[in-house]
Amino acid sequence: MMIREVPRVGKEAATKAIKEWGQPMSKITHLIFCTTSGVALPGVDYELIVLLGLDPCVKRYMMYHQGCFAGGTVLRLAKDLAENNKDARVLIVCSENTAVTFRGPSETDMDSLVGQALFADGAAAIIIGSDPIPEVENPIFEIVSTDQKLVSGSHGAIGGLLREVGLTFYLNNKAFDPLGISDYNSIFWIAHPGGRAILDQVEQKGNMSSACVLFIMDLMRKRSLEDKLKTTGEGFDWGVLFGFGPGLTIETVVLRSVTI
């Protein structure tokens, strides 16, 4: 099911992105496809090429099982490709389906319930390029810089394993063991939840893994337009996108908004 549904939903997202971009598909030079939902040979990147009818010479990059930080990874990779290949137009597609994680509850594997409660299906697509054609291509954000970092000593904090029952997630809940604390309800919490767009999008649609940050970017620029703000970044000129996931891996993308 994953092999069929992941590229199909990815096609829907890509078709919408290409339509808004307003250029012929023949101008797409690279494809980055990202999913944590299943594995196949040939990959779902190949399936998407066929479904969309893209040029068979499009250079493909397939990213499997990177997790929630991968929304930042695809932007970082696309930036490098666009800046180092003249006239490159990179189609990014992130497509996630959580059926691969679904199973009945288990008293010995409570972490799986967390993943099933938080995660959701979704697909997002965006086209990245440098030197946009004036009055033809209308950028929504500029990717200024990117960075990836592994947090030292964090191995095993978040992860996933492919097993007979599907993809299983696990979380490390040993952070407070050295302090003798085992009841998380006995401590106070101070956390930065991000902006309104992040909270609203996760509340409405759940955590869509790699696709989530692209959904948030789309929501932010649309809401900025609706609210008659001066830029696509909720009226601000500069912003930062974070992706967190297994590793622990942190992707950081510095963005500049565009005047509306």
Protein backbone atom coordinates (compact mmCIF):
# COMPACT_ATOMS: atom_id res chain seq x y z
CA MET A 1 0.00 0.00 0.00
CA MET A 2 2.81 2.41 0.86
CA ILE A 3 4.48 1.94 -2.51
CA ARG A 4 1.23 2.92 -4.22
CA GLU A 5 -0.05 5.70 -1.95
CA VAL A 6 3.16 7.60 -1.17
CA PRO A 7 3.89 8.56 -4.81
CA ARG A 8 0.20 9.08 -5.58
CA VAL A 9 -0.25 11.66 -2.80
CA GLY A 10 3.16 13.10 -3.68
CA LYS A 11 1.92 13.62 -7.23
CA GLU A 12 -1.06 15.63 -5.96
CA ALA A 13 1.22 17.93 -3.97
CA ALA A 14 3.70 18.28 -6.83
CA THR A 15 0.95 19.09 -9.33
CA LYS A 16 -0.31 21.94 -7.13
CA ALA A 17 3.20 23.33 -6.65
CA ILE A 18 3.98 23.21 -10.38
CA LYS A 19 0.67 24.90 -11.21
CA GLU A 20 1.39 27.77 -8.83
CA TRP A 21 4.97 28.03 -10.12
CA GLY A 22 3.50 28.57 -13.59
CA GLN A 23 6.35 27.09 -15.61
CA PRO A 24 6.36 23.96 -17.81
CA MET A 25 7.47 20.71 -16.17
CA SER A 26 10.22 20.49 -18.77
CA LYS A 27 12.11 23.16 -16.80
CA ILE A 28 12.44 20.91 -13.75
CA THR A 29 16.03 19.66 -13.67
CA HIS A 30 16.22 17.84 -10.32
CA LEU A 31 13.85 15.88 -8.09
CA ILE A 32 14.28 15.28 -4.36
CA PHE A 33 11.75 12.82 -2.94
CA CYS A 34 11.63 12.22 0.80
CA THR A 35 9.58 9.70 2.78
CA THR A 36 9.80 7.63 5.94
CA SER A 37 6.94 5.42 4.71
CA GLY A 38 8.23 2.27 3.07
CA VAL A 39 11.10 1.29 0.77
CA ALA A 40 11.03 0.06 -2.82
CA LEU A 41 13.28 -0.67 -5.80
CA PRO A 42 12.95 1.25 -8.03
CA GLY A 43 12.13 3.96 -5.54
CA VAL A 44 9.07 6.15 -5.25
CA ASP A 45 11.11 8.90 -6.91
CA TYR A 46 10.99 6.76 -10.07
CA GLU A 47 7.25 6.25 -9.61
CA LEU A 48 6.72 10.01 -9.34
CA ILE A 49 8.70 10.65 -12.53
CA VAL A 50 6.32 8.28 -14.34
CA LEU A 51 3.15 9.65 -12.71
CA LEU A 52 4.01 13.28 -13.49
CA GLY A 53 5.48 12.59 -16.91
CA LEU A 54 8.73 14.35 -16.05
CA ASP A 55 11.74 14.24 -18.35
CA PRO A 56 13.49 10.87 -17.80
CA CYS A 57 16.78 12.78 -17.61
CA VAL A 58 15.71 14.63 -14.45
CA LYS A 59 18.36 13.99 -11.79
CA ARG A 60 16.76 12.14 -8.88
CA TYR A 61 17.68 12.05 -5.20
CA MET A 62 15.75 9.63 -2.98
CA MET A 63 15.75 10.08 0.80
CA TYR A 64 14.29 7.21 2.84
CA HIS A 65 13.79 7.01 6.61
CA GLN A 66 15.37 10.26 7.74
CA GLY A 67 12.51 11.24 10.04
CA CYS A 68 11.22 14.60 11.17
CA PHE A 69 14.36 16.64 10.50
CA ALA A 70 14.29 15.81 6.79
CA GLY A 71 12.14 18.81 5.85
CA GLY A 72 15.21 20.90 6.59
CA THR A 73 17.50 18.43 4.84
CA VAL A 74 15.68 18.64 1.52
CA LEU A 75 15.83 22.44 1.60
CA ARG A 76 19.56 22.32 2.33
CA LEU A 77 20.22 19.89 -0.51
CA ALA A 78 18.01 21.83 -2.94
CA LYS A 79 19.83 25.07 -2.11
CA ASP A 80 23.19 23.47 -2.92
CA LEU A 81 21.87 22.01 -6.18
CA ALA A 82 20.26 25.27 -7.29
CA GLU A 83 23.32 27.38 -6.54
CA ASN A 84 25.77 25.04 -8.26
CA ASN A 85 23.79 24.14 -11.40
CA LYS A 86 22.93 27.00 -13.74
CA ASP A 87 19.18 27.38 -14.36
CA ALA A 88 18.42 24.45 -12.07
CA ARG A 89 14.86 24.09 -10.83
CA VAL A 90 14.61 21.53 -8.04
CA LEU A 91 11.27 19.89 -7.29
CA ILE A 92 11.05 18.80 -3.65
CA VAL A 93 8.35 16.31 -2.67
CA CYS A 94 7.85 15.04 0.88
CA SER A 95 5.13 12.39 1.21
CA GLU A 96 4.31 10.57 4.45
CA ASN A 97 1.76 7.86 5.31
CA THR A 98 1.53 6.65 8.89
CA ALA A 99 -0.15 3.32 8.13
CA VAL A 100 3.33 1.78 8.26
CA THR A 101 3.43 2.56 12.01
CA PHE A 102 -0.09 1.44 12.89
CA ARG A 103 -0.59 -1.55 15.19
CA GLY A 104 -2.54 -2.54 18.27
CA PRO A 105 -1.49 -1.28 21.72
CA SER A 106 1.18 -3.15 23.65
CA GLU A 107 2.02 -2.86 27.35
CA THR A 108 5.66 -3.51 26.51
CA ASP A 109 5.88 -0.91 23.73
CA MET A 110 4.15 2.25 24.90
CA ASP A 111 6.37 4.48 22.73
CA SER A 112 4.46 3.30 19.65
CA LEU A 113 1.28 4.86 21.05
CA VAL A 114 3.00 8.25 21.19
CA GLY A 115 3.94 8.05 17.53
CA GLN A 116 0.49 6.90 16.46
CA ALA A 117 -1.15 9.73 18.42
CA LEU A 118 1.12 12.46 17.08
CA PHE A 119 1.82 11.57 13.47
CA ALA A 120 -0.40 12.16 10.46
CA ASP A 121 -0.50 11.61 6.71
CA GLY A 122 0.49 14.43 4.40
CA ALA A 123 2.45 15.47 1.35
CA ALA A 124 4.03 18.78 0.42
CA ALA A 125 5.97 20.02 -2.59
CA ILE A 126 7.98 23.12 -3.40
CA ILE A 127 10.24 24.24 -6.25
CA ILE A 128 13.65 25.71 -5.46
CA GLY A 129 15.86 27.70 -7.82
CA SER A 130 18.31 30.58 -7.92
CA ASP A 131 17.99 33.77 -9.97
CA PRO A 132 14.19 33.73 -10.39
CA ILE A 133 12.86 35.10 -13.67
CA PRO A 134 11.41 38.57 -12.95
CA GLU A 135 7.62 38.85 -13.29
CA VAL A 136 7.45 35.15 -14.17
CA GLU A 137 8.58 33.31 -11.04
CA ASN A 138 7.33 34.66 -7.72
CA PRO A 139 9.46 33.52 -4.74
CA ILE A 140 7.81 33.06 -1.35
CA PHE A 141 11.00 32.80 0.75
CA GLU A 142 14.75 33.05 0.18
CA ILE A 143 16.98 30.32 1.65
CA VAL A 144 19.96 32.26 2.99
CA SER A 145 21.99 29.59 4.80
CA THR A 146 21.65 26.05 6.12
CA ASP A 147 23.30 23.83 8.71
CA GLN A 148 23.04 20.30 10.08
CA LYS A 149 24.26 19.15 13.48
CA LEU A 150 24.30 15.92 15.47
CA VAL A 151 23.80 16.49 19.19
CA SER A 152 26.71 14.85 21.02
CA GLY A 153 25.73 11.99 23.30
CA SER A 154 22.15 11.89 22.04
CA HIS A 155 22.30 8.54 20.25
CA GLY A 156 19.11 6.60 20.93
CA ALA A 157 17.11 9.62 22.11
CA ILE A 158 14.69 9.27 19.19
CA GLY A 159 14.69 6.50 16.64
CA GLY A 160 12.77 4.02 14.55
CA LEU A 161 13.25 0.39 13.57
CA LEU A 162 11.78 -1.67 10.74
CA ARG A 163 10.34 -4.86 12.21
CA GLU A 164 7.82 -7.52 11.22
CA VAL A 165 5.02 -5.34 12.60
CA GLY A 166 6.17 -2.34 10.54
CA LEU A 167 8.05 0.80 11.51
CA THR A 168 8.35 1.20 15.28
CA PHE A 169 9.43 4.39 17.05
CA TYR A 170 11.15 4.71 20.40
CA LEU A 171 11.87 7.63 22.72
CA ASN A 172 14.55 7.93 25.41
CA ASN A 173 12.90 8.73 28.73
CA LYS A 174 16.04 8.45 30.87
CA ALA A 175 17.00 12.14 30.93
CA PHE A 176 16.11 12.59 34.61
CA ASP A 177 17.36 9.23 35.91
CA PRO A 178 20.61 10.73 37.32
CA LEU A 179 18.43 13.08 39.40
CA GLY A 180 16.26 10.30 40.76
CA ILE A 181 13.16 11.63 38.96
CA SER A 182 10.86 9.14 37.27
CA ASP A 183 7.51 10.98 37.41
CA TYR A 184 7.33 13.61 34.64
CA ASN A 185 4.21 15.07 36.26
CA SER A 186 6.28 16.03 39.30
CA ILE A 187 8.41 18.58 37.42
CA PHE A 188 7.61 21.89 35.75
CA TRP A 189 8.05 22.43 32.01
CA ILE A 190 9.20 25.48 30.10
CA ALA A 191 9.17 24.98 26.34
CA HIS A 192 9.24 27.23 23.30
CA PRO A 193 6.35 26.11 21.06
CA GLY A 194 7.29 28.22 18.04
CA GLY A 195 4.95 30.62 16.30
CA ARG A 196 1.21 30.54 15.85
CA ALA A 197 1.50 28.89 12.45
CA ILE A 198 3.36 25.92 13.94
CA LEU A 199 0.83 25.36 16.71
CA ASP A 200 -2.17 25.72 14.40
CA GLN A 201 -0.76 23.41 11.74
CA VAL A 202 0.18 20.63 14.15
CA GLU A 203 -3.18 20.95 15.92
CA GLN A 204 -5.12 20.71 12.66
CA LYS A 205 -3.07 18.15 10.77
CA GLY A 206 -0.72 16.41 13.22
CA ASN A 207 3.01 15.89 12.80
CA MET A 208 3.57 15.00 9.14
CA SER A 209 7.26 14.24 9.65
CA SER A 210 9.36 15.60 6.75
CA ALA A 211 6.40 17.39 5.14
CA CYS A 212 5.46 19.35 8.26
CA VAL A 213 7.79 22.36 7.92
CA LEU A 214 6.77 22.82 4.27
CA PHE A 215 3.11 22.90 5.33
CA ILE A 216 3.99 25.53 7.92
CA MET A 217 5.85 27.67 5.37
CA ASP A 218 2.81 27.53 3.11
CA LEU A 219 0.41 28.41 5.92
CA MET A 220 2.62 31.28 7.07
CA ARG A 221 2.83 32.99 3.70
CA LYS A 222 -0.91 32.53 3.04
CA ARG A 223 -1.85 33.89 6.46
CA SER A 224 0.54 36.82 6.00
CA LEU A 225 -1.28 37.70 2.77
CA GLU A 226 -4.72 37.34 4.37
CA ASP A 227 -3.70 39.53 7.31
CA LYS A 228 -2.28 42.16 4.91
CA LEU A 229 1.18 42.00 6.45
CA LYS A 230 4.18 43.42 4.63
CA THR A 231 6.12 40.16 4.15
CA THR A 232 5.52 36.43 3.73
CA GLY A 233 7.14 35.90 7.15
CA GLU A 234 4.28 37.27 9.24
CA GLY A 235 5.58 40.79 8.63
CA PHE A 236 9.17 40.01 9.64
CA ASP A 237 12.15 40.13 7.27
CA TRP A 238 14.18 37.28 8.76
CA GLY A 239 13.31 33.90 10.22
CA VAL A 240 14.68 30.47 11.00
CA LEU A 241 13.34 26.99 10.29
CA PHE A 242 14.29 24.07 12.53
CA GLY A 243 13.94 20.36 11.91
CA PHE A 244 14.53 17.88 14.74
CA GLY A 245 14.70 14.12 14.43
CA PRO A 246 16.53 10.86 15.00
CA GLY A 247 20.17 11.25 15.87
CA LEU A 248 19.42 13.64 17.52
CA THR A 249 19.80 15.58 14.30
CA ILE A 250 19.04 19.28 14.00
CA GLU A 251 18.59 21.00 10.65
CA THR A 252 18.68 24.80 10.67
CA VAL A 253 17.59 26.92 7.71
CA VAL A 254 17.86 30.71 7.80
CA LEU A 255 15.14 32.29 5.67
CA ARG A 256 14.49 35.77 4.36
CA SER A 257 10.87 36.62 3.68
CA VAL A 258 9.59 38.27 0.52
CA THR A 259 7.69 41.54 0.34
CA ILE A 260 4.02 40.98 -0.42
